[in-house]
Amino acid sequence: MSRKAYSEFTATGLWRRTLGSAVTCVAAAMLVAACAADPPATSQQRQSDIRAMNEFYSKLASDQDFYYPHVQIRVENGIAHLSGYVWNTQALYRAKEVATRVPGITEVVDNLELERDGLH
């Protein structure tokens, strides 16, 4: 910025409006982020999530057709987040199906990966 442009910028108070706009934008972004976040879970909801997670692991462990040592679940406010990997598509679909049938789970987010060649 040239010296003349800088003088005009400071003399006209344009810098105040620019700074004010920037602060307003940051404040608005923070407000939107705060409103979009889920409310903290109650102790009752956390207990329900833990029960759902334990039941999910129990059902996977008792599955006679597939072996699931590398599947993890995290349940937050009734939403099950599946991660890890399985060795075929049937096991992937079964893990998702099992999660949907667990009481307390209202939604399943699938982040499972398919590892066709087994362990490396």
PDB file of N, CA and C in Angstrom:
ATOM      1  N   MET A   1       0.857  -1.149   0.000  1.00  0.00           N
ATOM      2  CA  MET A   1       0.000   0.000   0.000  1.00  0.00           C
ATOM      3  C   MET A   1       0.914   1.225   0.000  1.00  0.00           C
ATOM      4  N   SER A   2       0.605   2.186  -0.841  1.00  0.00           N
ATOM      5  CA  SER A   2       1.420   3.401  -0.911  1.00  0.00           C
ATOM      6  C   SER A   2       1.173   4.260   0.324  1.00  0.00           C
ATOM      7  N   ARG A   3       2.086   5.200   0.551  1.00  0.00           N
ATOM      8  CA  ARG A   3       1.968   6.107   1.695  1.00  0.00           C
ATOM      9  C   ARG A   3       0.682   6.934   1.602  1.00  0.00           C
ATOM     10  N   LYS A   4       0.353   7.384   0.389  1.00  0.00           N
ATOM     11  CA  LYS A   4      -0.849   8.192   0.196  1.00  0.00           C
ATOM     12  C   LYS A   4      -2.109   7.356   0.477  1.00  0.00           C
ATOM     13  N   ALA A   5      -2.125   6.146  -0.048  1.00  0.00           N
ATOM     14  CA  ALA A   5      -3.277   5.276   0.176  1.00  0.00           C
ATOM     15  C   ALA A   5      -3.422   4.958   1.661  1.00  0.00           C
ATOM     16  N   TYR A   6      -2.295   4.746   2.341  1.00  0.00           N
ATOM     17  CA  TYR A   6      -2.323   4.467   3.777  1.00  0.00           C
ATOM     18  C   TYR A   6      -2.879   5.655   4.553  1.00  0.00           C
ATOM     19  N   SER A   7      -2.462   6.861   4.166  1.00  0.00           N
ATOM     20  CA  SER A   7      -2.962   8.076   4.822  1.00  0.00           C
ATOM     21  C   SER A   7      -4.468   8.200   4.668  1.00  0.00           C
ATOM     22  N   GLU A   8      -4.939   7.964   3.447  1.00  0.00           N
ATOM     23  CA  GLU A   8      -6.376   8.051   3.213  1.00  0.00           C
ATOM     24  C   GLU A   8      -7.119   6.967   4.000  1.00  0.00           C
ATOM     25  N   PHE A   9      -6.527   5.787   4.056  1.00  0.00           N
ATOM     26  CA  PHE A   9      -7.131   4.663   4.773  1.00  0.00           C
ATOM     27  C   PHE A   9      -7.305   5.000   6.251  1.00  0.00           C
ATOM     28  N   THR A  10      -6.261   5.549   6.869  1.00  0.00           N
ATOM     29  CA  THR A  10      -6.337   5.879   8.292  1.00  0.00           C
ATOM     30  C   THR A  10      -7.140   7.145   8.543  1.00  0.00           C
ATOM     31  N   ALA A  11      -7.030   8.129   7.654  1.00  0.00           N
ATOM     32  CA  ALA A  11      -7.716   9.405   7.864  1.00  0.00           C
ATOM     33  C   ALA A  11      -9.230   9.276   7.724  1.00  0.00           C
ATOM     34  N   THR A  12      -9.687   8.457   6.831  1.00  0.00           N
ATOM     35  CA  THR A  12     -11.130   8.348   6.593  1.00  0.00           C
ATOM     36  C   THR A  12     -11.815   7.423   7.599  1.00  0.00           C
ATOM     37  N   GLY A  13     -11.052   6.727   8.405  1.00  0.00           N
ATOM     38  CA  GLY A  13     -11.652   5.801   9.365  1.00  0.00           C
ATOM     39  C   GLY A  13     -12.082   4.499   8.714  1.00  0.00           C
ATOM     40  N   LEU A  14     -11.645   4.301   7.466  1.00  0.00           N
ATOM     41  CA  LEU A  14     -11.984   3.064   6.765  1.00  0.00           C
ATOM     42  C   LEU A  14     -11.451   1.853   7.520  1.00  0.00           C
ATOM     43  N   TRP A  15     -10.333   2.019   8.193  1.00  0.00           N
ATOM     44  CA  TRP A  15      -9.755   0.904   8.931  1.00  0.00           C
ATOM     45  C   TRP A  15     -10.682   0.461  10.064  1.00  0.00           C
ATOM     46  N   ARG A  16     -11.412   1.391  10.655  1.00  0.00           N
ATOM     47  CA  ARG A  16     -12.354   1.020  11.727  1.00  0.00           C
ATOM     48  C   ARG A  16     -13.489   0.156  11.174  1.00  0.00           C
ATOM     49  N   ARG A  17     -14.011   0.580  10.026  1.00  0.00           N
ATOM     50  CA  ARG A  17     -15.098  -0.198   9.420  1.00  0.00           C
ATOM     51  C   ARG A  17     -14.593  -1.568   8.984  1.00  0.00           C
ATOM     52  N   THR A  18     -13.378  -1.616   8.448  1.00  0.00           N
ATOM     53  CA  THR A  18     -12.807  -2.896   8.020  1.00  0.00           C
ATOM     54  C   THR A  18     -12.616  -3.815   9.213  1.00  0.00           C
ATOM     55  N   LEU A  19     -12.053  -3.293  10.274  1.00  0.00           N
ATOM     56  CA  LEU A  19     -11.839  -4.078  11.485  1.00  0.00           C
ATOM     57  C   LEU A  19     -13.180  -4.503  12.080  1.00  0.00           C
ATOM     58  N   GLY A  20     -14.142  -3.581  12.104  1.00  0.00           N
ATOM     59  CA  GLY A  20     -15.469  -3.908  12.626  1.00  0.00           C
ATOM     60  C   GLY A  20     -16.139  -5.021  11.844  1.00  0.00           C
ATOM     61  N   SER A  21     -15.983  -4.984  10.516  1.00  0.00           N
ATOM     62  CA  SER A  21     -16.557  -6.040   9.679  1.00  0.00           C
ATOM     63  C   SER A  21     -15.901  -7.381   9.961  1.00  0.00           C
ATOM     64  N   ALA A  22     -14.590  -7.370  10.129  1.00  0.00           N
ATOM     65  CA  ALA A  22     -13.873  -8.615  10.405  1.00  0.00           C
ATOM     66  C   ALA A  22     -14.313  -9.192  11.743  1.00  0.00           C
ATOM     67  N   VAL A  23     -14.425  -8.365  12.756  1.00  0.00           N
ATOM     68  CA  VAL A  23     -14.853  -8.829  14.076  1.00  0.00           C
ATOM     69  C   VAL A  23     -16.277  -9.370  14.012  1.00  0.00           C
ATOM     70  N   THR A  24     -17.138  -8.706  13.280  1.00  0.00           N
ATOM     71  CA  THR A  24     -18.521  -9.165  13.137  1.00  0.00           C
ATOM     72  C   THR A  24     -18.574 -10.521  12.455  1.00  0.00           C
ATOM     73  N   CYS A  25     -17.775 -10.709  11.419  1.00  0.00           N
ATOM     74  CA  CYS A  25     -17.750 -12.002  10.707  1.00  0.00           C
ATOM     75  C   CYS A  25     -17.263 -13.123  11.614  1.00  0.00           C
ATOM     76  N   VAL A  26     -16.212 -12.874  12.376  1.00  0.00           N
ATOM     77  CA  VAL A  26     -15.684 -13.891  13.288  1.00  0.00           C
ATOM     78  C   VAL A  26     -16.725 -14.227  14.355  1.00  0.00           C
ATOM     79  N   ALA A  27     -17.377 -13.213  14.909  1.00  0.00           N
ATOM     80  CA  ALA A  27     -18.403 -13.446  15.931  1.00  0.00           C
ATOM     81  C   ALA A  27     -19.568 -14.253  15.359  1.00  0.00           C
ATOM     82  N   ALA A  28     -19.979 -13.939  14.147  1.00  0.00           N
ATOM     83  CA  ALA A  28     -21.081 -14.677  13.517  1.00  0.00           C
ATOM     84  C   ALA A  28     -20.687 -16.132  13.281  1.00  0.00           C
ATOM     85  N   ALA A  29     -19.460 -16.363  12.838  1.00  0.00           N
ATOM     86  CA  ALA A  29     -18.993 -17.729  12.607  1.00  0.00           C
ATOM     87  C   ALA A  29     -18.958 -18.520  13.912  1.00  0.00           C
ATOM     88  N   MET A  30     -18.527 -17.884  14.988  1.00  0.00           N
ATOM     89  CA  MET A  30     -18.489 -18.564  16.279  1.00  0.00           C
ATOM     90  C   MET A  30     -19.899 -18.891  16.764  1.00  0.00           C
ATOM     91  N   LEU A  31     -20.827 -18.004  16.554  1.00  0.00           N
ATOM     92  CA  LEU A  31     -22.209 -18.232  16.967  1.00  0.00           C
ATOM     93  C   LEU A  31     -22.817 -19.391  16.188  1.00  0.00           C
ATOM     94  N   VAL A  32     -22.581 -19.422  14.895  1.00  0.00           N
ATOM     95  CA  VAL A  32     -23.105 -20.519  14.067  1.00  0.00           C
ATOM     96  C   VAL A  32     -22.520 -21.846  14.526  1.00  0.00           C
ATOM     97  N   ALA A  33     -21.218 -21.890  14.798  1.00  0.00           N
ATOM     98  CA  ALA A  33     -20.582 -23.125  15.255  1.00  0.00           C
ATOM     99  C   ALA A  33     -21.153 -23.571  16.598  1.00  0.00           C
ATOM    100  N   ALA A  34     -21.382 -22.643  17.492  1.00  0.00           N
ATOM    101  CA  ALA A  34     -21.929 -22.984  18.806  1.00  0.00           C
ATOM    102  C   ALA A  34     -23.343 -23.518  18.689  1.00  0.00           C
ATOM    103  N   CYS A  35     -24.136 -22.951  17.813  1.00  0.00           N
ATOM    104  CA  CYS A  35     -25.521 -23.399  17.644  1.00  0.00           C
ATOM    105  C   CYS A  35     -25.592 -24.742  16.929  1.00  0.00           C
ATOM    106  N   ALA A  36     -24.622 -25.041  16.076  1.00  0.00           N
ATOM    107  CA  ALA A  36     -24.647 -26.284  15.319  1.00  0.00           C
ATOM    108  C   ALA A  36     -24.204 -27.476  16.156  1.00  0.00           C
ATOM    109  N   ALA A  37     -23.477 -27.256  17.217  1.00  0.00           N
ATOM    110  CA  ALA A  37     -22.981 -28.351  18.042  1.00  0.00           C
ATOM    111  C   ALA A  37     -24.134 -29.006  18.801  1.00  0.00           C
ATOM    112  N   ASP A  38     -24.044 -30.318  18.947  1.00  0.00           N
ATOM    113  CA  ASP A  38     -25.059 -31.030  19.714  1.00  0.00           C
ATOM    114  C   ASP A  38     -24.958 -30.639  21.174  1.00  0.00           C
ATOM    115  N   PRO A  39     -26.089 -30.615  21.858  1.00  0.00           N
ATOM    116  CA  PRO A  39     -26.024 -30.328  23.291  1.00  0.00           C
ATOM    117  C   PRO A  39     -25.308 -31.467  23.998  1.00  0.00           C
ATOM    118  N   PRO A  40     -24.668 -31.200  25.120  1.00  0.00           N
ATOM    119  CA  PRO A  40     -23.961 -32.267  25.814  1.00  0.00           C
ATOM    120  C   PRO A  40     -24.937 -33.364  26.245  1.00  0.00           C
ATOM    121  N   ALA A  41     -24.470 -34.585  26.183  1.00  0.00           N
ATOM    122  CA  ALA A  41     -25.309 -35.714  26.547  1.00  0.00           C
ATOM    123  C   ALA A  41     -25.544 -35.743  28.053  1.00  0.00           C
ATOM    124  N   THR A  42     -26.731 -36.149  28.427  1.00  0.00           N
ATOM    125  CA  THR A  42     -27.034 -36.308  29.844  1.00  0.00           C
ATOM    126  C   THR A  42     -26.392 -37.608  30.326  1.00  0.00           C
ATOM    127  N   SER A  43     -26.308 -37.791  31.628  1.00  0.00           N
ATOM    128  CA  SER A  43     -25.719 -39.028  32.147  1.00  0.00           C
ATOM    129  C   SER A  43     -26.572 -40.222  31.733  1.00  0.00           C
ATOM    130  N   GLN A  44     -27.887 -40.022  31.631  1.00  0.00           N
ATOM    131  CA  GLN A  44     -28.780 -41.087  31.188  1.00  0.00           C
ATOM    132  C   GLN A  44     -28.481 -41.465  29.732  1.00  0.00           C
ATOM    133  N   GLN A  45     -28.228 -40.454  28.877  1.00  0.00           N
ATOM    134  CA  GLN A  45     -27.899 -40.732  27.476  1.00  0.00           C
ATOM    135  C   GLN A  45     -26.555 -41.428  27.362  1.00  0.00           C
ATOM    136  N   ARG A  46     -25.584 -41.001  28.168  1.00  0.00           N
ATOM    137  CA  ARG A  46     -24.263 -41.653  28.133  1.00  0.00           C
ATOM    138  C   ARG A  46     -24.368 -43.118  28.543  1.00  0.00           C
ATOM    139  N   GLN A  47     -25.180 -43.409  29.553  1.00  0.00           N
ATOM    140  CA  GLN A  47     -25.371 -44.801  29.977  1.00  0.00           C
ATOM    141  C   GLN A  47     -26.047 -45.608  28.870  1.00  0.00           C
ATOM    142  N   SER A  48     -27.024 -45.015  28.201  1.00  0.00           N
ATOM    143  CA  SER A  48     -27.687 -45.682  27.089  1.00  0.00           C
ATOM    144  C   SER A  48     -26.695 -45.958  25.960  1.00  0.00           C
ATOM    145  N   ASP A  49     -25.818 -45.001  25.680  1.00  0.00           N
ATOM    146  CA  ASP A  49     -24.797 -45.173  24.640  1.00  0.00           C
ATOM    147  C   ASP A  49     -23.841 -46.305  24.994  1.00  0.00           C
ATOM    148  N   ILE A  50     -23.454 -46.392  26.265  1.00  0.00           N
ATOM    149  CA  ILE A  50     -22.541 -47.454  26.713  1.00  0.00           C
ATOM    150  C   ILE A  50     -23.220 -48.819  26.594  1.00  0.00           C
ATOM    151  N   ARG A  51     -24.502 -48.906  27.009  1.00  0.00           N
ATOM    152  CA  ARG A  51     -25.242 -50.167  26.866  1.00  0.00           C
ATOM    153  C   ARG A  51     -25.330 -50.583  25.401  1.00  0.00           C
ATOM    154  N   ALA A  52     -25.621 -49.628  24.518  1.00  0.00           N
ATOM    155  CA  ALA A  52     -25.726 -49.928  23.087  1.00  0.00           C
ATOM    156  C   ALA A  52     -24.387 -50.413  22.541  1.00  0.00           C
ATOM    157  N   MET A  53     -23.317 -49.758  22.942  1.00  0.00           N
ATOM    158  CA  MET A  53     -21.989 -50.154  22.479  1.00  0.00           C
ATOM    159  C   MET A  53     -21.660 -51.575  22.944  1.00  0.00           C
ATOM    160  N   ASN A  54     -21.934 -51.876  24.215  1.00  0.00           N
ATOM    161  CA  ASN A  54     -21.656 -53.221  24.738  1.00  0.00           C
ATOM    162  C   ASN A  54     -22.500 -54.279  24.041  1.00  0.00           C
ATOM    163  N   GLU A  55     -23.757 -53.971  23.787  1.00  0.00           N
ATOM    164  CA  GLU A  55     -24.624 -54.931  23.093  1.00  0.00           C
ATOM    165  C   GLU A  55     -24.151 -55.168  21.666  1.00  0.00           C
ATOM    166  N   PHE A  56     -23.701 -54.101  21.004  1.00  0.00           N
ATOM    167  CA  PHE A  56     -23.172 -54.240  19.644  1.00  0.00           C
ATOM    168  C   PHE A  56     -21.980 -55.197  19.637  1.00  0.00           C
ATOM    169  N   TYR A  57     -21.015 -54.981  20.543  1.00  0.00           N
ATOM    170  CA  TYR A  57     -19.846 -55.857  20.610  1.00  0.00           C
ATOM    171  C   TYR A  57     -20.241 -57.292  20.940  1.00  0.00           C
ATOM    172  N   SER A  58     -21.221 -57.463  21.812  1.00  0.00           N
ATOM    173  CA  SER A  58     -21.691 -58.799  22.174  1.00  0.00           C
ATOM    174  C   SER A  58     -22.291 -59.508  20.967  1.00  0.00           C
ATOM    175  N   LYS A  59     -23.098 -58.790  20.196  1.00  0.00           N
ATOM    176  CA  LYS A  59     -23.721 -59.385  19.005  1.00  0.00           C
ATOM    177  C   LYS A  59     -22.671 -59.736  17.950  1.00  0.00           C
ATOM    178  N   LEU A  60     -21.671 -58.876  17.784  1.00  0.00           N
ATOM    179  CA  LEU A  60     -20.614 -59.199  16.811  1.00  0.00           C
ATOM    180  C   LEU A  60     -19.822 -60.418  17.262  1.00  0.00           C
ATOM    181  N   ALA A  61     -19.537 -60.501  18.544  1.00  0.00           N
ATOM    182  CA  ALA A  61     -18.748 -61.624  19.074  1.00  0.00           C
ATOM    183  C   ALA A  61     -19.488 -62.950  18.923  1.00  0.00           C
ATOM    184  N   SER A  62     -20.824 -62.898  18.951  1.00  0.00           N
ATOM    185  CA  SER A  62     -21.594 -64.135  18.844  1.00  0.00           C
ATOM    186  C   SER A  62     -21.942 -64.494  17.402  1.00  0.00           C
ATOM    187  N   ASP A  63     -21.533 -63.682  16.451  1.00  0.00           N
ATOM    188  CA  ASP A  63     -21.824 -63.961  15.040  1.00  0.00           C
ATOM    189  C   ASP A  63     -21.098 -65.237  14.624  1.00  0.00           C
ATOM    190  N   GLN A  64     -21.848 -66.191  14.070  1.00  0.00           N
ATOM    191  CA  GLN A  64     -21.284 -67.490  13.681  1.00  0.00           C
ATOM    192  C   GLN A  64     -20.622 -67.474  12.299  1.00  0.00           C
ATOM    193  N   ASP A  65     -20.923 -66.456  11.493  1.00  0.00           N
ATOM    194  CA  ASP A  65     -20.434 -66.452  10.117  1.00  0.00           C
ATOM    195  C   ASP A  65     -19.213 -65.566   9.878  1.00  0.00           C
ATOM    196  N   PHE A  66     -19.059 -64.515  10.679  1.00  0.00           N
ATOM    197  CA  PHE A  66     -17.983 -63.558  10.429  1.00  0.00           C
ATOM    198  C   PHE A  66     -17.202 -63.296  11.710  1.00  0.00           C
ATOM    199  N   TYR A  67     -15.987 -62.864  11.520  1.00  0.00           N
ATOM    200  CA  TYR A  67     -15.071 -62.565  12.610  1.00  0.00           C
ATOM    201  C   TYR A  67     -14.764 -61.064  12.556  1.00  0.00           C
ATOM    202  N   TYR A  68     -14.979 -60.362  13.678  1.00  0.00           N
ATOM    203  CA  TYR A  68     -14.896 -58.902  13.686  1.00  0.00           C
ATOM    204  C   TYR A  68     -13.885 -58.331  14.682  1.00  0.00           C
ATOM    205  N   PRO A  69     -12.646 -58.763  14.679  1.00  0.00           N
ATOM    206  CA  PRO A  69     -11.716 -58.225  15.681  1.00  0.00           C
ATOM    207  C   PRO A  69     -11.271 -56.791  15.403  1.00  0.00           C
ATOM    208  N   HIS A  70     -11.474 -56.323  14.195  1.00  0.00           N
ATOM    209  CA  HIS A  70     -10.965 -55.003  13.811  1.00  0.00           C
ATOM    210  C   HIS A  70     -12.074 -53.976  13.580  1.00  0.00           C
ATOM    211  N   VAL A  71     -13.256 -54.233  14.155  1.00  0.00           N
ATOM    212  CA  VAL A  71     -14.365 -53.294  14.038  1.00  0.00           C
ATOM    213  C   VAL A  71     -14.542 -52.606  15.385  1.00  0.00           C
ATOM    214  N   GLN A  72     -14.593 -51.274  15.358  1.00  0.00           N
ATOM    215  CA  GLN A  72     -14.810 -50.489  16.567  1.00  0.00           C
ATOM    216  C   GLN A  72     -16.107 -49.701  16.408  1.00  0.00           C
ATOM    217  N   ILE A  73     -16.709 -49.398  17.551  1.00  0.00           N
ATOM    218  CA  ILE A  73     -17.921 -48.592  17.548  1.00  0.00           C
ATOM    219  C   ILE A  73     -17.794 -47.527  18.623  1.00  0.00           C
ATOM    220  N   ARG A  74     -18.285 -46.370  18.299  1.00  0.00           N
ATOM    221  CA  ARG A  74     -18.389 -45.263  19.268  1.00  0.00           C
ATOM    222  C   ARG A  74     -19.818 -44.772  19.151  1.00  0.00           C
ATOM    223  N   VAL A  75     -20.537 -44.729  20.267  1.00  0.00           N
ATOM    224  CA  VAL A  75     -21.933 -44.294  20.252  1.00  0.00           C
ATOM    225  C   VAL A  75     -22.024 -42.971  20.998  1.00  0.00           C
ATOM    226  N   GLU A  76     -22.569 -41.973  20.329  1.00  0.00           N
ATOM    227  CA  GLU A  76     -22.762 -40.646  20.919  1.00  0.00           C
ATOM    228  C   GLU A  76     -24.180 -40.183  20.630  1.00  0.00           C
ATOM    229  N   ASN A  77     -24.951 -39.975  21.682  1.00  0.00           N
ATOM    230  CA  ASN A  77     -26.340 -39.526  21.553  1.00  0.00           C
ATOM    231  C   ASN A  77     -27.152 -40.426  20.627  1.00  0.00           C
ATOM    232  N   GLY A  78     -26.910 -41.739  20.708  1.00  0.00           N
ATOM    233  CA  GLY A  78     -27.658 -42.697  19.908  1.00  0.00           C
ATOM    234  C   GLY A  78     -27.119 -42.912  18.506  1.00  0.00           C
ATOM    235  N   ILE A  79     -26.103 -42.172  18.120  1.00  0.00           N
ATOM    236  CA  ILE A  79     -25.517 -42.314  16.781  1.00  0.00           C
ATOM    237  C   ILE A  79     -24.283 -43.197  16.878  1.00  0.00           C
ATOM    238  N   ALA A  80     -24.314 -44.323  16.156  1.00  0.00           N
ATOM    239  CA  ALA A  80     -23.210 -45.275  16.162  1.00  0.00           C
ATOM    240  C   ALA A  80     -22.236 -44.940  15.041  1.00  0.00           C
ATOM    241  N   HIS A  81     -20.983 -44.780  15.403  1.00  0.00           N
ATOM    242  CA  HIS A  81     -19.920 -44.515  14.426  1.00  0.00           C
ATOM    243  C   HIS A  81     -19.086 -45.785  14.322  1.00  0.00           C
ATOM    244  N   LEU A  82     -19.185 -46.477  13.194  1.00  0.00           N
ATOM    245  CA  LEU A  82     -18.428 -47.704  12.976  1.00  0.00           C
ATOM    246  C   LEU A  82     -17.126 -47.374  12.266  1.00  0.00           C
ATOM    247  N   SER A  83     -16.047 -47.996  12.729  1.00  0.00           N
ATOM    248  CA  SER A  83     -14.758 -47.808  12.060  1.00  0.00           C
ATOM    249  C   SER A  83     -13.991 -49.118  12.124  1.00  0.00           C
ATOM    250  N   GLY A  84     -12.853 -49.147  11.455  1.00  0.00           N
ATOM    251  CA  GLY A  84     -12.056 -50.355  11.386  1.00  0.00           C
ATOM    252  C   GLY A  84     -12.201 -50.986  10.016  1.00  0.00           C
ATOM    253  N   TYR A  85     -11.943 -52.305   9.958  1.00  0.00           N
ATOM    254  CA  TYR A  85     -12.052 -52.950   8.658  1.00  0.00           C
ATOM    255  C   TYR A  85     -12.527 -54.393   8.782  1.00  0.00           C
ATOM    256  N   VAL A  86     -13.079 -54.868   7.670  1.00  0.00           N
ATOM    257  CA  VAL A  86     -13.551 -56.244   7.531  1.00  0.00           C
ATOM    258  C   VAL A  86     -12.961 -56.800   6.244  1.00  0.00           C
ATOM    259  N   TRP A  87     -13.120 -58.124   6.053  1.00  0.00           N
ATOM    260  CA  TRP A  87     -12.472 -58.756   4.910  1.00  0.00           C
ATOM    261  C   TRP A  87     -13.366 -58.976   3.705  1.00  0.00           C
ATOM    262  N   ASN A  88     -14.678 -58.787   3.840  1.00  0.00           N
ATOM    263  CA  ASN A  88     -15.535 -58.921   2.657  1.00  0.00           C
ATOM    264  C   ASN A  88     -16.782 -58.058   2.815  1.00  0.00           C
ATOM    265  N   THR A  89     -17.470 -57.867   1.698  1.00  0.00           N
ATOM    266  CA  THR A  89     -18.620 -56.961   1.712  1.00  0.00           C
ATOM    267  C   THR A  89     -19.773 -57.505   2.554  1.00  0.00           C
ATOM    268  N   GLN A  90     -19.926 -58.836   2.608  1.00  0.00           N
ATOM    269  CA  GLN A  90     -20.996 -59.397   3.423  1.00  0.00           C
ATOM    270  C   GLN A  90     -20.789 -59.057   4.901  1.00  0.00           C
ATOM    271  N   ALA A  91     -19.563 -59.128   5.370  1.00  0.00           N
ATOM    272  CA  ALA A  91     -19.263 -58.785   6.767  1.00  0.00           C
ATOM    273  C   ALA A  91     -19.500 -57.301   7.014  1.00  0.00           C
ATOM    274  N   LEU A  92     -19.185 -56.475   6.045  1.00  0.00           N
ATOM    275  CA  LEU A  92     -19.408 -55.038   6.171  1.00  0.00           C
ATOM    276  C   LEU A  92     -20.900 -54.738   6.322  1.00  0.00           C
ATOM    277  N   TYR A  93     -21.713 -55.333   5.446  1.00  0.00           N
ATOM    278  CA  TYR A  93     -23.159 -55.110   5.522  1.00  0.00           C
ATOM    279  C   TYR A  93     -23.753 -55.688   6.802  1.00  0.00           C
ATOM    280  N   ARG A  94     -23.255 -56.837   7.238  1.00  0.00           N
ATOM    281  CA  ARG A  94     -23.776 -57.452   8.462  1.00  0.00           C
ATOM    282  C   ARG A  94     -23.468 -56.575   9.670  1.00  0.00           C
ATOM    283  N   ALA A  95     -22.271 -56.016   9.759  1.00  0.00           N
ATOM    284  CA  ALA A  95     -21.922 -55.147  10.890  1.00  0.00           C
ATOM    285  C   ALA A  95     -22.858 -53.942  10.945  1.00  0.00           C
ATOM    286  N   LYS A  96     -23.143 -53.352   9.802  1.00  0.00           N
ATOM    287  CA  LYS A  96     -24.079 -52.217   9.766  1.00  0.00           C
ATOM    288  C   LYS A  96     -25.481 -52.654  10.169  1.00  0.00           C
ATOM    289  N   GLU A  97     -25.898 -53.816   9.702  1.00  0.00           N
ATOM    290  CA  GLU A  97     -27.229 -54.332  10.036  1.00  0.00           C
ATOM    291  C   GLU A  97     -27.340 -54.606  11.542  1.00  0.00           C
ATOM    292  N   VAL A  98     -26.308 -55.204  12.113  1.00  0.00           N
ATOM    293  CA  VAL A  98     -26.306 -55.474  13.552  1.00  0.00           C
ATOM    294  C   VAL A  98     -26.452 -54.172  14.326  1.00  0.00           C
ATOM    295  N   ALA A  99     -25.722 -53.147  13.918  1.00  0.00           N
ATOM    296  CA  ALA A  99     -25.783 -51.855  14.617  1.00  0.00           C
ATOM    297  C   ALA A  99     -27.189 -51.266  14.560  1.00  0.00           C
ATOM    298  N   THR A 100     -27.867 -51.394  13.431  1.00  0.00           N
ATOM    299  CA  THR A 100     -29.208 -50.807  13.318  1.00  0.00           C
ATOM    300  C   THR A 100     -30.226 -51.525  14.192  1.00  0.00           C
ATOM    301  N   ARG A 101     -29.940 -52.762  14.579  1.00  0.00           N
ATOM    302  CA  ARG A 101     -30.884 -53.545  15.384  1.00  0.00           C
ATOM    303  C   ARG A 101     -30.625 -53.442  16.888  1.00  0.00           C
ATOM    304  N   VAL A 102     -29.630 -52.686  17.278  1.00  0.00           N
ATOM    305  CA  VAL A 102     -29.329 -52.539  18.699  1.00  0.00           C
ATOM    306  C   VAL A 102     -30.218 -51.451  19.291  1.00  0.00           C
ATOM    307  N   PRO A 103     -30.940 -51.776  20.385  1.00  0.00           N
ATOM    308  CA  PRO A 103     -31.755 -50.745  21.028  1.00  0.00           C
ATOM    309  C   PRO A 103     -30.881 -49.587  21.518  1.00  0.00           C
ATOM    310  N   GLY A 104     -31.351 -48.384  21.298  1.00  0.00           N
ATOM    311  CA  GLY A 104     -30.597 -47.201  21.702  1.00  0.00           C
ATOM    312  C   GLY A 104     -29.815 -46.574  20.572  1.00  0.00           C
ATOM    313  N   ILE A 105     -29.635 -47.306  19.472  1.00  0.00           N
ATOM    314  CA  ILE A 105     -28.938 -46.754  18.309  1.00  0.00           C
ATOM    315  C   ILE A 105     -29.989 -46.269  17.317  1.00  0.00           C
ATOM    316  N   THR A 106     -29.936 -44.988  17.018  1.00  0.00           N
ATOM    317  CA  THR A 106     -30.929 -44.388  16.128  1.00  0.00           C
ATOM    318  C   THR A 106     -30.399 -44.147  14.718  1.00  0.00           C
ATOM    319  N   GLU A 107     -29.083 -44.134  14.589  1.00  0.00           N
ATOM    320  CA  GLU A 107     -28.462 -43.840  13.293  1.00  0.00           C
ATOM    321  C   GLU A 107     -27.095 -44.498  13.261  1.00  0.00           C
ATOM    322  N   VAL A 108     -26.644 -44.893  12.072  1.00  0.00           N
ATOM    323  CA  VAL A 108     -25.327 -45.526  11.921  1.00  0.00           C
ATOM    324  C   VAL A 108     -24.511 -44.728  10.918  1.00  0.00           C
ATOM    325  N   VAL A 109     -23.326 -44.332  11.332  1.00  0.00           N
ATOM    326  CA  VAL A 109     -22.370 -43.674  10.446  1.00  0.00           C
ATOM    327  C   VAL A 109     -21.299 -44.710  10.133  1.00  0.00           C
ATOM    328  N   ASP A 110     -21.210 -45.101   8.882  1.00  0.00           N
ATOM    329  CA  ASP A 110     -20.321 -46.187   8.466  1.00  0.00           C
ATOM    330  C   ASP A 110     -18.999 -45.633   7.947  1.00  0.00           C
ATOM    331  N   ASN A 111     -17.935 -45.916   8.683  1.00  0.00           N
ATOM    332  CA  ASN A 111     -16.587 -45.582   8.231  1.00  0.00           C
ATOM    333  C   ASN A 111     -15.749 -46.851   8.131  1.00  0.00           C
ATOM    334  N   LEU A 112     -16.416 -47.992   7.928  1.00  0.00           N
ATOM    335  CA  LEU A 112     -15.706 -49.264   7.805  1.00  0.00           C
ATOM    336  C   LEU A 112     -14.969 -49.320   6.474  1.00  0.00           C
ATOM    337  N   GLU A 113     -13.851 -50.002   6.505  1.00  0.00           N
ATOM    338  CA  GLU A 113     -13.066 -50.189   5.281  1.00  0.00           C
ATOM    339  C   GLU A 113     -13.034 -51.658   4.931  1.00  0.00           C
ATOM    340  N   LEU A 114     -12.920 -51.933   3.655  1.00  0.00           N
ATOM    341  CA  LEU A 114     -12.858 -53.292   3.163  1.00  0.00           C
ATOM    342  C   LEU A 114     -11.397 -53.650   2.896  1.00  0.00           C
ATOM    343  N   GLU A 115     -10.906 -54.664   3.591  1.00  0.00           N
ATOM    344  CA  GLU A 115      -9.517 -55.109   3.423  1.00  0.00           C
ATOM    345  C   GLU A 115      -9.581 -56.477   2.766  1.00  0.00           C
ATOM    346  N   ARG A 116      -9.507 -56.504   1.456  1.00  0.00           N
ATOM    347  CA  ARG A 116      -9.704 -57.745   0.697  1.00  0.00           C
ATOM    348  C   ARG A 116      -8.569 -58.745   0.855  1.00  0.00           C
ATOM    349  N   ASP A 117      -7.350 -58.286   1.092  1.00  0.00           N
ATOM    350  CA  ASP A 117      -6.205 -59.189   1.137  1.00  0.00           C
ATOM    351  C   ASP A 117      -5.863 -59.646   2.549  1.00  0.00           C
ATOM    352  N   GLY A 118      -6.688 -59.337   3.533  1.00  0.00           N
ATOM    353  CA  GLY A 118      -6.378 -59.706   4.904  1.00  0.00           C
ATOM    354  C   GLY A 118      -5.306 -58.812   5.480  1.00  0.00           C
ATOM    355  N   LEU A 119      -4.712 -59.259   6.558  1.00  0.00           N
ATOM    356  CA  LEU A 119      -3.680 -58.453   7.221  1.00  0.00           C
ATOM    357  C   LEU A 119      -2.404 -58.423   6.408  1.00  0.00           C
ATOM    358  N   HIS A 120      -1.747 -57.285   6.462  1.00  0.00           N
ATOM    359  CA  HIS A 120      -0.453 -57.136   5.777  1.00  0.00           C
ATOM    360  C   HIS A 120       0.653 -57.130   6.797  1.00  0.00           C
TER     361      HIS A 120
END
